[in-house]
Amino acid sequence: MSKAHIVENLMITDDELILKVDGKDLSLALATASPKLAAASELERSTYKISPAGYGIHWPLIDEDLSIDGLLLATEIAAQP
């Protein structure tokens, strides 16, 4: 089974979700990516699992799931003038 995406280097700052997907660096405003993540504690934000097939990221402590395809689309939309 092939992977949908290769996700690496996920980091969350106070304002941004930053990750590398398929070799590309992405950055998205945290409130845009997920209001739940924006309101979460540092422990809640740092406890996540990337799906083995690369489809998404799950934060079990806040029951939040983000699809990689959705994050890619959101970064493209945010980059438009």
PDB file of N, CA and C in Angstrom:
ATOM      1  N   MET A   1       0.843  -1.188   0.000  1.00  0.00           N
ATOM      2  CA  MET A   1       0.000   0.000   0.000  1.00  0.00           C
ATOM      3  C   MET A   1       0.885   1.247   0.000  1.00  0.00           C
ATOM      4  N   SER A   2       0.621   2.146  -0.913  1.00  0.00           N
ATOM      5  CA  SER A   2       1.407   3.368  -0.980  1.00  0.00           C
ATOM      6  C   SER A   2       0.840   4.411  -0.025  1.00  0.00           C
ATOM      7  N   LYS A   3       1.701   5.314   0.364  1.00  0.00           N
ATOM      8  CA  LYS A   3       1.281   6.382   1.266  1.00  0.00           C
ATOM      9  C   LYS A   3       0.620   7.508   0.479  1.00  0.00           C
ATOM     10  N   ALA A   4      -0.397   8.101   1.096  1.00  0.00           N
ATOM     11  CA  ALA A   4      -1.054   9.253   0.484  1.00  0.00           C
ATOM     12  C   ALA A   4      -0.111  10.456   0.503  1.00  0.00           C
ATOM     13  N   HIS A   5       0.532  10.652   1.653  1.00  0.00           N
ATOM     14  CA  HIS A   5       1.485  11.757   1.826  1.00  0.00           C
ATOM     15  C   HIS A   5       2.560  11.330   2.803  1.00  0.00           C
ATOM     16  N   ILE A   6       3.698  11.962   2.694  1.00  0.00           N
ATOM     17  CA  ILE A   6       4.760  11.771   3.672  1.00  0.00           C
ATOM     18  C   ILE A   6       4.798  13.038   4.520  1.00  0.00           C
ATOM     19  N   VAL A   7       4.461  12.878   5.784  1.00  0.00           N
ATOM     20  CA  VAL A   7       4.371  14.010   6.705  1.00  0.00           C
ATOM     21  C   VAL A   7       5.555  13.950   7.661  1.00  0.00           C
ATOM     22  N   GLU A   8       6.252  15.063   7.794  1.00  0.00           N
ATOM     23  CA  GLU A   8       7.377  15.132   8.719  1.00  0.00           C
ATOM     24  C   GLU A   8       7.500  16.541   9.293  1.00  0.00           C
ATOM     25  N   ASN A   9       8.234  16.655  10.368  1.00  0.00           N
ATOM     26  CA  ASN A   9       8.549  17.939  10.987  1.00  0.00           C
ATOM     27  C   ASN A   9       7.331  18.768  11.387  1.00  0.00           C
ATOM     28  N   LEU A  10       6.328  18.156  11.971  1.00  0.00           N
ATOM     29  CA  LEU A  10       5.161  18.909  12.429  1.00  0.00           C
ATOM     30  C   LEU A  10       5.530  19.711  13.667  1.00  0.00           C
ATOM     31  N   MET A  11       5.179  20.999  13.654  1.00  0.00           N
ATOM     32  CA  MET A  11       5.447  21.876  14.785  1.00  0.00           C
ATOM     33  C   MET A  11       4.276  22.851  14.922  1.00  0.00           C
ATOM     34  N   ILE A  12       3.931  23.143  16.159  1.00  0.00           N
ATOM     35  CA  ILE A  12       2.862  24.109  16.409  1.00  0.00           C
ATOM     36  C   ILE A  12       3.414  25.215  17.302  1.00  0.00           C
ATOM     37  N   THR A  13       3.318  26.443  16.815  1.00  0.00           N
ATOM     38  CA  THR A  13       3.701  27.598  17.618  1.00  0.00           C
ATOM     39  C   THR A  13       2.421  28.210  18.195  1.00  0.00           C
ATOM     40  N   ASP A  14       2.531  29.332  18.858  1.00  0.00           N
ATOM     41  CA  ASP A  14       1.344  30.009  19.385  1.00  0.00           C
ATOM     42  C   ASP A  14       0.391  30.424  18.270  1.00  0.00           C
ATOM     43  N   ASP A  15       0.939  30.675  17.079  1.00  0.00           N
ATOM     44  CA  ASP A  15       0.139  31.223  15.986  1.00  0.00           C
ATOM     45  C   ASP A  15       0.037  30.353  14.738  1.00  0.00           C
ATOM     46  N   GLU A  16       0.933  29.369  14.583  1.00  0.00           N
ATOM     47  CA  GLU A  16       1.008  28.655  13.317  1.00  0.00           C
ATOM     48  C   GLU A  16       1.102  27.145  13.467  1.00  0.00           C
ATOM     49  N   LEU A  17       0.604  26.463  12.454  1.00  0.00           N
ATOM     50  CA  LEU A  17       0.831  25.037  12.261  1.00  0.00           C
ATOM     51  C   LEU A  17       1.851  24.952  11.141  1.00  0.00           C
ATOM     52  N   ILE A  18       2.998  24.368  11.428  1.00  0.00           N
ATOM     53  CA  ILE A  18       4.097  24.304  10.469  1.00  0.00           C
ATOM     54  C   ILE A  18       4.445  22.829  10.273  1.00  0.00           C
ATOM     55  N   LEU A  19       4.514  22.406   9.025  1.00  0.00           N
ATOM     56  CA  LEU A  19       4.880  21.027   8.769  1.00  0.00           C
ATOM     57  C   LEU A  19       5.501  20.884   7.394  1.00  0.00           C
ATOM     58  N   LYS A  20       6.124  19.755   7.194  1.00  0.00           N
ATOM     59  CA  LYS A  20       6.689  19.412   5.894  1.00  0.00           C
ATOM     60  C   LYS A  20       5.878  18.238   5.374  1.00  0.00           C
ATOM     61  N   VAL A  21       5.305  18.409   4.188  1.00  0.00           N
ATOM     62  CA  VAL A  21       4.492  17.379   3.543  1.00  0.00           C
ATOM     63  C   VAL A  21       5.044  17.139   2.147  1.00  0.00           C
ATOM     64  N   ASP A  22       5.376  15.899   1.875  1.00  0.00           N
ATOM     65  CA  ASP A  22       5.889  15.528   0.549  1.00  0.00           C
ATOM     66  C   ASP A  22       7.077  16.401   0.136  1.00  0.00           C
ATOM     67  N   GLY A  23       7.900  16.745   1.122  1.00  0.00           N
ATOM     68  CA  GLY A  23       9.100  17.536   0.849  1.00  0.00           C
ATOM     69  C   GLY A  23       8.888  19.033   0.773  1.00  0.00           C
ATOM     70  N   LYS A  24       7.646  19.492   0.962  1.00  0.00           N
ATOM     71  CA  LYS A  24       7.349  20.923   0.890  1.00  0.00           C
ATOM     72  C   LYS A  24       7.059  21.467   2.281  1.00  0.00           C
ATOM     73  N   ASP A  25       7.642  22.618   2.598  1.00  0.00           N
ATOM     74  CA  ASP A  25       7.369  23.284   3.862  1.00  0.00           C
ATOM     75  C   ASP A  25       6.061  24.049   3.761  1.00  0.00           C
ATOM     76  N   LEU A  26       5.194  23.838   4.735  1.00  0.00           N
ATOM     77  CA  LEU A  26       3.894  24.505   4.773  1.00  0.00           C
ATOM     78  C   LEU A  26       3.716  25.221   6.090  1.00  0.00           C
ATOM     79  N   SER A  27       2.996  26.319   6.059  1.00  0.00           N
ATOM     80  CA  SER A  27       2.677  27.077   7.256  1.00  0.00           C
ATOM     81  C   SER A  27       1.256  27.603   7.111  1.00  0.00           C
ATOM     82  N   LEU A  28       0.497  27.464   8.176  1.00  0.00           N
ATOM     83  CA  LEU A  28      -0.889  27.904   8.153  1.00  0.00           C
ATOM     84  C   LEU A  28      -1.221  28.501   9.511  1.00  0.00           C
ATOM     85  N   ALA A  29      -1.967  29.600   9.498  1.00  0.00           N
ATOM     86  CA  ALA A  29      -2.400  30.199  10.761  1.00  0.00           C
ATOM     87  C   ALA A  29      -3.138  29.139  11.570  1.00  0.00           C
ATOM     88  N   LEU A  30      -2.792  29.023  12.829  1.00  0.00           N
ATOM     89  CA  LEU A  30      -3.365  27.980  13.672  1.00  0.00           C
ATOM     90  C   LEU A  30      -4.871  28.096  13.782  1.00  0.00           C
ATOM     91  N   ALA A  31      -5.388  29.299  13.909  1.00  0.00           N
ATOM     92  CA  ALA A  31      -6.840  29.492  14.007  1.00  0.00           C
ATOM     93  C   ALA A  31      -7.544  29.086  12.712  1.00  0.00           C
ATOM     94  N   THR A  32      -6.867  29.227  11.584  1.00  0.00           N
ATOM     95  CA  THR A  32      -7.432  28.802  10.306  1.00  0.00           C
ATOM     96  C   THR A  32      -7.396  27.285  10.190  1.00  0.00           C
ATOM     97  N   ALA A  33      -6.301  26.683  10.604  1.00  0.00           N
ATOM     98  CA  ALA A  33      -6.163  25.227  10.526  1.00  0.00           C
ATOM     99  C   ALA A  33      -7.164  24.532  11.431  1.00  0.00           C
ATOM    100  N   SER A  34      -7.310  25.046  12.665  1.00  0.00           N
ATOM    101  CA  SER A  34      -8.206  24.397  13.621  1.00  0.00           C
ATOM    102  C   SER A  34      -8.427  25.287  14.838  1.00  0.00           C
ATOM    103  N   PRO A  35      -9.629  25.783  15.021  1.00  0.00           N
ATOM    104  CA  PRO A  35      -9.929  26.534  16.240  1.00  0.00           C
ATOM    105  C   PRO A  35      -9.702  25.696  17.508  1.00  0.00           C
ATOM    106  N   LYS A  36      -9.936  24.381  17.416  1.00  0.00           N
ATOM    107  CA  LYS A  36      -9.688  23.499  18.570  1.00  0.00           C
ATOM    108  C   LYS A  36      -8.214  23.490  18.949  1.00  0.00           C
ATOM    109  N   LEU A  37      -7.339  23.404  17.947  1.00  0.00           N
ATOM    110  CA  LEU A  37      -5.903  23.436  18.220  1.00  0.00           C
ATOM    111  C   LEU A  37      -5.472  24.795  18.746  1.00  0.00           C
ATOM    112  N   ALA A  38      -6.060  25.842  18.211  1.00  0.00           N
ATOM    113  CA  ALA A  38      -5.723  27.194  18.663  1.00  0.00           C
ATOM    114  C   ALA A  38      -6.050  27.379  20.146  1.00  0.00           C
ATOM    115  N   ALA A  39      -7.112  26.730  20.609  1.00  0.00           N
ATOM    116  CA  ALA A  39      -7.538  26.853  22.009  1.00  0.00           C
ATOM    117  C   ALA A  39      -6.906  25.800  22.923  1.00  0.00           C
ATOM    118  N   ALA A  40      -6.185  24.841  22.355  1.00  0.00           N
ATOM    119  CA  ALA A  40      -5.638  23.725  23.131  1.00  0.00           C
ATOM    120  C   ALA A  40      -4.394  24.129  23.918  1.00  0.00           C
ATOM    121  N   SER A  41      -4.124  23.360  24.958  1.00  0.00           N
ATOM    122  CA  SER A  41      -2.911  23.566  25.754  1.00  0.00           C
ATOM    123  C   SER A  41      -1.700  23.029  24.989  1.00  0.00           C
ATOM    124  N   GLU A  42      -0.518  23.345  25.478  1.00  0.00           N
ATOM    125  CA  GLU A  42       0.707  22.856  24.848  1.00  0.00           C
ATOM    126  C   GLU A  42       0.753  21.328  24.869  1.00  0.00           C
ATOM    127  N   LEU A  43       0.348  20.720  25.969  1.00  0.00           N
ATOM    128  CA  LEU A  43       0.308  19.260  26.056  1.00  0.00           C
ATOM    129  C   LEU A  43      -0.668  18.673  25.038  1.00  0.00           C
ATOM    130  N   GLU A  44      -1.839  19.264  24.931  1.00  0.00           N
ATOM    131  CA  GLU A  44      -2.834  18.775  23.972  1.00  0.00           C
ATOM    132  C   GLU A  44      -2.335  18.913  22.538  1.00  0.00           C
ATOM    133  N   ARG A  45      -1.656  19.999  22.244  1.00  0.00           N
ATOM    134  CA  ARG A  45      -1.128  20.226  20.894  1.00  0.00           C
ATOM    135  C   ARG A  45       0.019  19.274  20.564  1.00  0.00           C
ATOM    136  N   SER A  46       0.815  18.942  21.563  1.00  0.00           N
ATOM    137  CA  SER A  46       2.005  18.124  21.308  1.00  0.00           C
ATOM    138  C   SER A  46       1.718  16.622  21.312  1.00  0.00           C
ATOM    139  N   THR A  47       0.493  16.239  21.652  1.00  0.00           N
ATOM    140  CA  THR A  47       0.123  14.828  21.660  1.00  0.00           C
ATOM    141  C   THR A  47      -0.695  14.535  20.406  1.00  0.00           C
ATOM    142  N   TYR A  48      -0.020  14.014  19.388  1.00  0.00           N
ATOM    143  CA  TYR A  48      -0.685  13.754  18.113  1.00  0.00           C
ATOM    144  C   TYR A  48      -0.141  12.480  17.491  1.00  0.00           C
ATOM    145  N   LYS A  49      -0.875  11.964  16.520  1.00  0.00           N
ATOM    146  CA  LYS A  49      -0.445  10.803  15.751  1.00  0.00           C
ATOM    147  C   LYS A  49      -0.705  11.086  14.277  1.00  0.00           C
ATOM    148  N   ILE A  50       0.295  10.819  13.474  1.00  0.00           N
ATOM    149  CA  ILE A  50       0.141  10.931  12.024  1.00  0.00           C
ATOM    150  C   ILE A  50      -0.295   9.557  11.527  1.00  0.00           C
ATOM    151  N   SER A  51      -1.327   9.524  10.713  1.00  0.00           N
ATOM    152  CA  SER A  51      -1.816   8.233  10.229  1.00  0.00           C
ATOM    153  C   SER A  51      -0.708   7.527   9.442  1.00  0.00           C
ATOM    154  N   PRO A  52      -0.599   6.209   9.608  1.00  0.00           N
ATOM    155  CA  PRO A  52       0.472   5.473   8.923  1.00  0.00           C
ATOM    156  C   PRO A  52       0.457   5.653   7.412  1.00  0.00           C
ATOM    157  N   ALA A  53      -0.714   5.825   6.826  1.00  0.00           N
ATOM    158  CA  ALA A  53      -0.806   5.996   5.372  1.00  0.00           C
ATOM    159  C   ALA A  53      -0.643   7.458   4.948  1.00  0.00           C
ATOM    160  N   GLY A  54      -0.487   8.368   5.911  1.00  0.00           N
ATOM    161  CA  GLY A  54      -0.262   9.769   5.576  1.00  0.00           C
ATOM    162  C   GLY A  54      -1.499  10.548   5.191  1.00  0.00           C
ATOM    163  N   TYR A  55      -2.675  10.069   5.603  1.00  0.00           N
ATOM    164  CA  TYR A  55      -3.917  10.768   5.252  1.00  0.00           C
ATOM    165  C   TYR A  55      -4.239  11.927   6.187  1.00  0.00           C
ATOM    166  N   GLY A  56      -3.798  11.842   7.437  1.00  0.00           N
ATOM    167  CA  GLY A  56      -4.177  12.888   8.369  1.00  0.00           C
ATOM    168  C   GLY A  56      -3.404  12.845   9.665  1.00  0.00           C
ATOM    169  N   ILE A  57      -3.780  13.757  10.545  1.00  0.00           N
ATOM    170  CA  ILE A  57      -3.168  13.894  11.870  1.00  0.00           C
ATOM    171  C   ILE A  57      -4.299  13.889  12.886  1.00  0.00           C
ATOM    172  N   HIS A  58      -4.086  13.151  13.980  1.00  0.00           N
ATOM    173  CA  HIS A  58      -5.097  13.045  15.035  1.00  0.00           C
ATOM    174  C   HIS A  58      -4.506  13.514  16.354  1.00  0.00           C
ATOM    175  N   TRP A  59      -5.251  14.379  17.046  1.00  0.00           N
ATOM    176  CA  TRP A  59      -4.908  14.839  18.387  1.00  0.00           C
ATOM    177  C   TRP A  59      -5.906  14.205  19.352  1.00  0.00           C
ATOM    178  N   PRO A  60      -5.540  13.102  20.010  1.00  0.00           N
ATOM    179  CA  PRO A  60      -6.501  12.357  20.829  1.00  0.00           C
ATOM    180  C   PRO A  60      -7.004  13.107  22.059  1.00  0.00           C
ATOM    181  N   LEU A  61      -6.200  13.969  22.642  1.00  0.00           N
ATOM    182  CA  LEU A  61      -6.612  14.653  23.871  1.00  0.00           C
ATOM    183  C   LEU A  61      -7.720  15.677  23.630  1.00  0.00           C
ATOM    184  N   ILE A  62      -7.849  16.135  22.380  1.00  0.00           N
ATOM    185  CA  ILE A  62      -8.928  17.087  22.062  1.00  0.00           C
ATOM    186  C   ILE A  62      -9.852  16.536  20.979  1.00  0.00           C
ATOM    187  N   ASP A  63      -9.635  15.272  20.612  1.00  0.00           N
ATOM    188  CA  ASP A  63     -10.444  14.595  19.589  1.00  0.00           C
ATOM    189  C   ASP A  63     -10.555  15.429  18.317  1.00  0.00           C
ATOM    190  N   GLU A  64      -9.403  15.820  17.792  1.00  0.00           N
ATOM    191  CA  GLU A  64      -9.335  16.618  16.564  1.00  0.00           C
ATOM    192  C   GLU A  64      -8.596  15.837  15.488  1.00  0.00           C
ATOM    193  N   ASP A  65      -9.149  15.856  14.295  1.00  0.00           N
ATOM    194  CA  ASP A  65      -8.543  15.209  13.132  1.00  0.00           C
ATOM    195  C   ASP A  65      -8.452  16.210  11.996  1.00  0.00           C
ATOM    196  N   LEU A  66      -7.283  16.304  11.389  1.00  0.00           N
ATOM    197  CA  LEU A  66      -7.102  17.162  10.219  1.00  0.00           C
ATOM    198  C   LEU A  66      -6.568  16.316   9.080  1.00  0.00           C
ATOM    199  N   SER A  67      -7.191  16.434   7.929  1.00  0.00           N
ATOM    200  CA  SER A  67      -6.702  15.697   6.759  1.00  0.00           C
ATOM    201  C   SER A  67      -5.558  16.483   6.122  1.00  0.00           C
ATOM    202  N   ILE A  68      -4.608  15.760   5.597  1.00  0.00           N
ATOM    203  CA  ILE A  68      -3.483  16.408   4.924  1.00  0.00           C
ATOM    204  C   ILE A  68      -3.969  17.113   3.666  1.00  0.00           C
ATOM    205  N   ASP A  69      -4.869  16.479   2.926  1.00  0.00           N
ATOM    206  CA  ASP A  69      -5.406  17.126   1.723  1.00  0.00           C
ATOM    207  C   ASP A  69      -6.093  18.446   2.083  1.00  0.00           C
ATOM    208  N   GLY A  70      -6.834  18.466   3.185  1.00  0.00           N
ATOM    209  CA  GLY A  70      -7.491  19.690   3.634  1.00  0.00           C
ATOM    210  C   GLY A  70      -6.493  20.772   4.016  1.00  0.00           C
ATOM    211  N   LEU A  71      -5.416  20.386   4.691  1.00  0.00           N
ATOM    212  CA  LEU A  71      -4.378  21.358   5.057  1.00  0.00           C
ATOM    213  C   LEU A  71      -3.683  21.903   3.812  1.00  0.00           C
ATOM    214  N   LEU A  72      -3.414  21.034   2.841  1.00  0.00           N
ATOM    215  CA  LEU A  72      -2.790  21.493   1.591  1.00  0.00           C
ATOM    216  C   LEU A  72      -3.685  22.487   0.869  1.00  0.00           C
ATOM    217  N   LEU A  73      -4.957  22.189   0.806  1.00  0.00           N
ATOM    218  CA  LEU A  73      -5.909  23.097   0.163  1.00  0.00           C
ATOM    219  C   LEU A  73      -5.993  24.429   0.920  1.00  0.00           C
ATOM    220  N   ALA A  74      -6.029  24.371   2.238  1.00  0.00           N
ATOM    221  CA  ALA A  74      -6.114  25.592   3.043  1.00  0.00           C
ATOM    222  C   ALA A  74      -4.865  26.462   2.848  1.00  0.00           C
ATOM    223  N   THR A  75      -3.690  25.865   2.731  1.00  0.00           N
ATOM    224  CA  THR A  75      -2.493  26.673   2.508  1.00  0.00           C
ATOM    225  C   THR A  75      -2.497  27.301   1.124  1.00  0.00           C
ATOM    226  N   GLU A  76      -3.049  26.601   0.134  1.00  0.00           N
ATOM    227  CA  GLU A  76      -3.157  27.184  -1.215  1.00  0.00           C
ATOM    228  C   GLU A  76      -4.125  28.365  -1.209  1.00  0.00           C
ATOM    229  N   ILE A  77      -5.244  28.213  -0.535  1.00  0.00           N
ATOM    230  CA  ILE A  77      -6.233  29.295  -0.466  1.00  0.00           C
ATOM    231  C   ILE A  77      -5.664  30.491   0.291  1.00  0.00           C
ATOM    232  N   ALA A  78      -4.963  30.228   1.394  1.00  0.00           N
ATOM    233  CA  ALA A  78      -4.387  31.316   2.193  1.00  0.00           C
ATOM    234  C   ALA A  78      -3.309  32.074   1.418  1.00  0.00           C
ATOM    235  N   ALA A  79      -2.647  31.401   0.488  1.00  0.00           N
ATOM    236  CA  ALA A  79      -1.579  32.041  -0.275  1.00  0.00           C
ATOM    237  C   ALA A  79      -2.086  32.892  -1.431  1.00  0.00           C
ATOM    238  N   GLN A  80      -3.374  32.753  -1.766  1.00  0.00           N
ATOM    239  CA  GLN A  80      -3.918  33.525  -2.881  1.00  0.00           C
ATOM    240  C   GLN A  80      -4.097  34.989  -2.469  1.00  0.00           C
ATOM    241  N   PRO A  81      -3.820  35.896  -3.426  1.00  0.00           N
ATOM    242  CA  PRO A  81      -3.974  37.327  -3.116  1.00  0.00           C
ATOM    243  C   PRO A  81      -5.431  37.733  -2.988  1.00  0.00           C
TER     244      PRO A  81
END
